Amino acid sequence: MARYEKLGDNLDSVIQCVGDEPIVDFARRFVMEKGVEVFNFGKYKGRPVAEVLRNEPQYYDWMMRGDFPMHTKQKLSEIFNRTFLRKS
């Protein structure tokens, strides 16, 4: 890290330096676009995760039963809870 001081010393600073889009989960199934988590794979690629979950809540169940990494499922659950359990 001393050789490449511009990179900083954490993942966020490295991502910012190389110009890659901010990631949400380690498997990169979700990425941030304009401050919103969007799908980075499949038939909903490029669509906001919360929007898809509102319109097709069974997609959450499909992903939770699927062969996705635990971190991806944790992030999906966070988005799901924030979407449906938001206090008005």
N, C-alpha and C. Protein backbone atom coordinates (compact mmCIF):
# COMPACT_ATOMS: atom_id res chain seq x y z
N MET A 1 0.82 -1.19 0.00
CA MET A 1 0.00 0.00 0.00
C MET A 1 0.87 1.26 0.00
N ALA A 2 2.05 1.18 0.59
CA ALA A 2 2.92 2.35 0.62
C ALA A 2 3.32 2.77 -0.80
N ARG A 3 3.43 1.82 -1.70
CA ARG A 3 3.84 2.10 -3.07
C ARG A 3 2.73 2.85 -3.83
N TYR A 4 1.48 2.59 -3.48
CA TYR A 4 0.34 3.18 -4.17
C TYR A 4 -0.53 3.96 -3.18
N GLU A 5 0.01 5.06 -2.70
CA GLU A 5 -0.67 5.84 -1.67
C GLU A 5 -2.02 6.36 -2.12
N LYS A 6 -2.20 6.62 -3.41
CA LYS A 6 -3.48 7.14 -3.91
C LYS A 6 -4.62 6.16 -3.68
N LEU A 7 -4.31 4.88 -3.58
CA LEU A 7 -5.36 3.88 -3.39
C LEU A 7 -6.00 3.95 -2.02
N GLY A 8 -5.29 4.49 -1.06
CA GLY A 8 -5.83 4.54 0.29
C GLY A 8 -5.64 3.21 0.99
N ASP A 9 -6.36 3.03 2.09
CA ASP A 9 -6.15 1.82 2.88
C ASP A 9 -7.43 1.03 3.16
N ASN A 10 -8.47 1.28 2.36
CA ASN A 10 -9.70 0.51 2.53
C ASN A 10 -10.36 0.28 1.18
N LEU A 11 -11.33 -0.62 1.16
CA LEU A 11 -11.98 -1.01 -0.08
C LEU A 11 -12.66 0.17 -0.77
N ASP A 12 -13.34 1.01 -0.02
CA ASP A 12 -14.04 2.15 -0.61
C ASP A 12 -13.08 3.10 -1.32
N SER A 13 -11.93 3.36 -0.72
CA SER A 13 -10.98 4.27 -1.35
C SER A 13 -10.37 3.65 -2.61
N VAL A 14 -10.18 2.33 -2.62
CA VAL A 14 -9.66 1.66 -3.82
C VAL A 14 -10.69 1.74 -4.94
N ILE A 15 -11.94 1.46 -4.63
CA ILE A 15 -12.99 1.52 -5.64
C ILE A 15 -13.11 2.93 -6.20
N GLN A 16 -13.05 3.92 -5.33
CA GLN A 16 -13.14 5.30 -5.78
C GLN A 16 -11.97 5.65 -6.69
N CYS A 17 -10.79 5.17 -6.37
CA CYS A 17 -9.60 5.47 -7.15
C CYS A 17 -9.65 4.82 -8.54
N VAL A 18 -10.11 3.58 -8.62
CA VAL A 18 -10.12 2.88 -9.91
C VAL A 18 -11.36 3.22 -10.73
N GLY A 19 -12.32 3.90 -10.12
CA GLY A 19 -13.46 4.37 -10.86
C GLY A 19 -14.54 3.32 -11.09
N ASP A 20 -14.50 2.22 -10.39
CA ASP A 20 -15.52 1.19 -10.54
C ASP A 20 -16.78 1.61 -9.80
N GLU A 21 -17.93 1.10 -10.25
CA GLU A 21 -19.17 1.45 -9.58
C GLU A 21 -19.18 0.87 -8.17
N PRO A 22 -19.77 1.59 -7.23
CA PRO A 22 -19.84 1.09 -5.86
C PRO A 22 -20.64 -0.21 -5.81
N ILE A 23 -20.14 -1.17 -5.06
CA ILE A 23 -20.80 -2.46 -4.96
C ILE A 23 -21.67 -2.49 -3.70
N VAL A 24 -22.66 -3.34 -3.72
CA VAL A 24 -23.53 -3.51 -2.57
C VAL A 24 -23.19 -4.82 -1.87
N ASP A 25 -23.02 -5.87 -2.66
CA ASP A 25 -22.67 -7.17 -2.11
C ASP A 25 -21.37 -7.65 -2.76
N PHE A 26 -20.67 -8.54 -2.09
CA PHE A 26 -19.35 -8.98 -2.57
C PHE A 26 -19.43 -9.72 -3.90
N ALA A 27 -20.53 -10.39 -4.18
CA ALA A 27 -20.68 -11.13 -5.43
C ALA A 27 -21.09 -10.21 -6.59
N ARG A 28 -21.35 -8.95 -6.27
CA ARG A 28 -21.72 -7.94 -7.26
C ARG A 28 -23.03 -8.24 -7.97
N ARG A 29 -23.95 -8.89 -7.25
CA ARG A 29 -25.29 -9.12 -7.80
C ARG A 29 -26.10 -7.83 -7.76
N PHE A 30 -25.72 -6.91 -6.86
CA PHE A 30 -26.34 -5.59 -6.76
C PHE A 30 -25.23 -4.54 -6.83
N VAL A 31 -25.50 -3.44 -7.49
CA VAL A 31 -24.58 -2.30 -7.52
C VAL A 31 -25.38 -1.03 -7.23
N MET A 32 -24.67 0.02 -6.86
CA MET A 32 -25.32 1.31 -6.61
C MET A 32 -25.28 2.13 -7.89
N GLU A 33 -26.42 2.70 -8.24
CA GLU A 33 -26.51 3.65 -9.34
C GLU A 33 -27.33 4.83 -8.86
N LYS A 34 -26.70 5.99 -8.83
CA LYS A 34 -27.36 7.22 -8.37
C LYS A 34 -27.95 7.04 -6.98
N GLY A 35 -27.23 6.33 -6.11
CA GLY A 35 -27.65 6.16 -4.73
C GLY A 35 -28.72 5.11 -4.50
N VAL A 36 -29.01 4.30 -5.51
CA VAL A 36 -30.05 3.28 -5.42
C VAL A 36 -29.45 1.92 -5.78
N GLU A 37 -29.80 0.90 -4.99
CA GLU A 37 -29.33 -0.45 -5.30
C GLU A 37 -30.09 -0.98 -6.51
N VAL A 38 -29.35 -1.48 -7.51
CA VAL A 38 -29.97 -2.06 -8.70
C VAL A 38 -29.41 -3.45 -8.94
N PHE A 39 -30.21 -4.27 -9.60
CA PHE A 39 -29.74 -5.61 -9.96
C PHE A 39 -28.64 -5.50 -11.00
N ASN A 40 -27.66 -6.37 -10.87
CA ASN A 40 -26.53 -6.39 -11.79
C ASN A 40 -26.48 -7.73 -12.54
N PHE A 41 -27.62 -8.42 -12.61
CA PHE A 41 -27.68 -9.71 -13.30
C PHE A 41 -29.12 -10.01 -13.68
N GLY A 42 -29.30 -10.94 -14.57
CA GLY A 42 -30.60 -11.51 -14.87
C GLY A 42 -31.60 -10.60 -15.55
N LYS A 43 -32.86 -11.02 -15.50
CA LYS A 43 -33.91 -10.32 -16.23
C LYS A 43 -34.20 -8.93 -15.70
N TYR A 44 -33.76 -8.63 -14.47
CA TYR A 44 -34.00 -7.31 -13.88
C TYR A 44 -32.74 -6.46 -13.84
N LYS A 45 -31.74 -6.83 -14.60
CA LYS A 45 -30.48 -6.08 -14.59
C LYS A 45 -30.75 -4.60 -14.91
N GLY A 46 -30.22 -3.73 -14.04
CA GLY A 46 -30.39 -2.30 -14.22
C GLY A 46 -31.63 -1.72 -13.55
N ARG A 47 -32.48 -2.58 -13.01
CA ARG A 47 -33.71 -2.11 -12.34
C ARG A 47 -33.49 -2.03 -10.84
N PRO A 48 -34.08 -1.04 -10.18
CA PRO A 48 -33.93 -0.92 -8.72
C PRO A 48 -34.46 -2.15 -7.99
N VAL A 49 -33.70 -2.62 -7.02
CA VAL A 49 -34.08 -3.81 -6.27
C VAL A 49 -35.40 -3.58 -5.53
N ALA A 50 -35.54 -2.46 -4.86
CA ALA A 50 -36.76 -2.18 -4.10
C ALA A 50 -37.99 -2.17 -5.00
N GLU A 51 -37.85 -1.61 -6.19
CA GLU A 51 -38.97 -1.56 -7.14
C GLU A 51 -39.39 -2.98 -7.55
N VAL A 52 -38.42 -3.82 -7.86
CA VAL A 52 -38.72 -5.19 -8.25
C VAL A 52 -39.38 -5.93 -7.09
N LEU A 53 -38.88 -5.74 -5.88
CA LEU A 53 -39.46 -6.42 -4.72
C LEU A 53 -40.89 -5.97 -4.46
N ARG A 54 -41.18 -4.70 -4.69
CA ARG A 54 -42.55 -4.21 -4.51
C ARG A 54 -43.49 -4.80 -5.57
N ASN A 55 -43.01 -4.88 -6.81
CA ASN A 55 -43.84 -5.35 -7.91
C ASN A 55 -43.92 -6.87 -8.01
N GLU A 56 -42.88 -7.54 -7.56
CA GLU A 56 -42.83 -9.00 -7.65
C GLU A 56 -42.18 -9.57 -6.38
N PRO A 57 -42.89 -9.53 -5.25
CA PRO A 57 -42.30 -9.96 -3.97
C PRO A 57 -41.84 -11.41 -3.95
N GLN A 58 -42.37 -12.26 -4.82
CA GLN A 58 -41.93 -13.65 -4.86
C GLN A 58 -40.49 -13.78 -5.36
N TYR A 59 -39.97 -12.72 -5.98
CA TYR A 59 -38.58 -12.75 -6.43
C TYR A 59 -37.63 -12.82 -5.22
N TYR A 60 -38.02 -12.18 -4.13
CA TYR A 60 -37.25 -12.27 -2.88
C TYR A 60 -37.14 -13.72 -2.44
N ASP A 61 -38.27 -14.43 -2.41
CA ASP A 61 -38.27 -15.84 -2.00
C ASP A 61 -37.41 -16.69 -2.94
N TRP A 62 -37.52 -16.43 -4.23
CA TRP A 62 -36.72 -17.18 -5.20
C TRP A 62 -35.22 -16.99 -4.93
N MET A 63 -34.79 -15.76 -4.68
CA MET A 63 -33.38 -15.51 -4.42
C MET A 63 -32.95 -16.12 -3.09
N MET A 64 -33.80 -16.04 -2.07
CA MET A 64 -33.43 -16.58 -0.77
C MET A 64 -33.31 -18.10 -0.80
N ARG A 65 -34.07 -18.77 -1.66
CA ARG A 65 -33.96 -20.22 -1.80
C ARG A 65 -32.86 -20.62 -2.78
N GLY A 66 -32.40 -19.68 -3.57
CA GLY A 66 -31.43 -19.96 -4.62
C GLY A 66 -30.01 -20.10 -4.10
N ASP A 67 -29.14 -20.40 -5.03
CA ASP A 67 -27.73 -20.62 -4.73
C ASP A 67 -26.95 -19.31 -4.84
N PHE A 68 -27.32 -18.37 -3.97
CA PHE A 68 -26.64 -17.08 -3.92
C PHE A 68 -25.80 -17.03 -2.66
N PRO A 69 -24.70 -16.27 -2.68
CA PRO A 69 -23.86 -16.16 -1.48
C PRO A 69 -24.63 -15.55 -0.31
N MET A 70 -24.23 -15.92 0.88
CA MET A 70 -24.88 -15.44 2.09
C MET A 70 -24.88 -13.91 2.17
N HIS A 71 -23.79 -13.28 1.77
CA HIS A 71 -23.71 -11.82 1.82
C HIS A 71 -24.75 -11.19 0.89
N THR A 72 -24.96 -11.78 -0.27
CA THR A 72 -25.97 -11.29 -1.20
C THR A 72 -27.35 -11.40 -0.57
N LYS A 73 -27.62 -12.53 0.07
CA LYS A 73 -28.92 -12.73 0.73
C LYS A 73 -29.11 -11.75 1.89
N GLN A 74 -28.03 -11.47 2.62
CA GLN A 74 -28.13 -10.50 3.72
C GLN A 74 -28.47 -9.11 3.19
N LYS A 75 -27.82 -8.71 2.13
CA LYS A 75 -28.08 -7.39 1.55
C LYS A 75 -29.49 -7.33 0.97
N LEU A 76 -29.94 -8.41 0.33
CA LEU A 76 -31.30 -8.47 -0.19
C LEU A 76 -32.30 -8.32 0.95
N SER A 77 -32.06 -8.99 2.06
CA SER A 77 -32.96 -8.90 3.21
C SER A 77 -32.97 -7.48 3.78
N GLU A 78 -31.83 -6.82 3.81
CA GLU A 78 -31.77 -5.43 4.28
C GLU A 78 -32.63 -4.53 3.40
N ILE A 79 -32.52 -4.71 2.09
CA ILE A 79 -33.30 -3.90 1.16
C ILE A 79 -34.79 -4.23 1.31
N PHE A 80 -35.11 -5.51 1.41
CA PHE A 80 -36.49 -5.95 1.58
C PHE A 80 -37.10 -5.34 2.84
N ASN A 81 -36.39 -5.45 3.95
CA ASN A 81 -36.89 -4.90 5.22
C ASN A 81 -37.06 -3.39 5.15
N ARG A 82 -36.11 -2.72 4.55
CA ARG A 82 -36.20 -1.27 4.42
C ARG A 82 -37.38 -0.88 3.53
N THR A 83 -37.67 -1.68 2.53
CA THR A 83 -38.74 -1.39 1.59
C THR A 83 -40.11 -1.62 2.20
N PHE A 84 -40.27 -2.75 2.90
CA PHE A 84 -41.59 -3.13 3.39
C PHE A 84 -41.86 -2.78 4.85
N LEU A 85 -40.83 -2.57 5.61
CA LEU A 85 -41.02 -2.30 7.04
C LEU A 85 -40.78 -0.84 7.40
N ARG A 86 -40.71 0.01 6.40
CA ARG A 86 -40.48 1.44 6.63
C ARG A 86 -41.65 2.04 7.38
N LYS A 87 -41.34 2.78 8.43
CA LYS A 87 -42.38 3.46 9.19
C LYS A 87 -42.84 4.69 8.44
N SER A 88 -44.13 4.87 8.36
CA SER A 88 -44.68 6.03 7.63
C SER A 88 -44.85 7.22 8.53
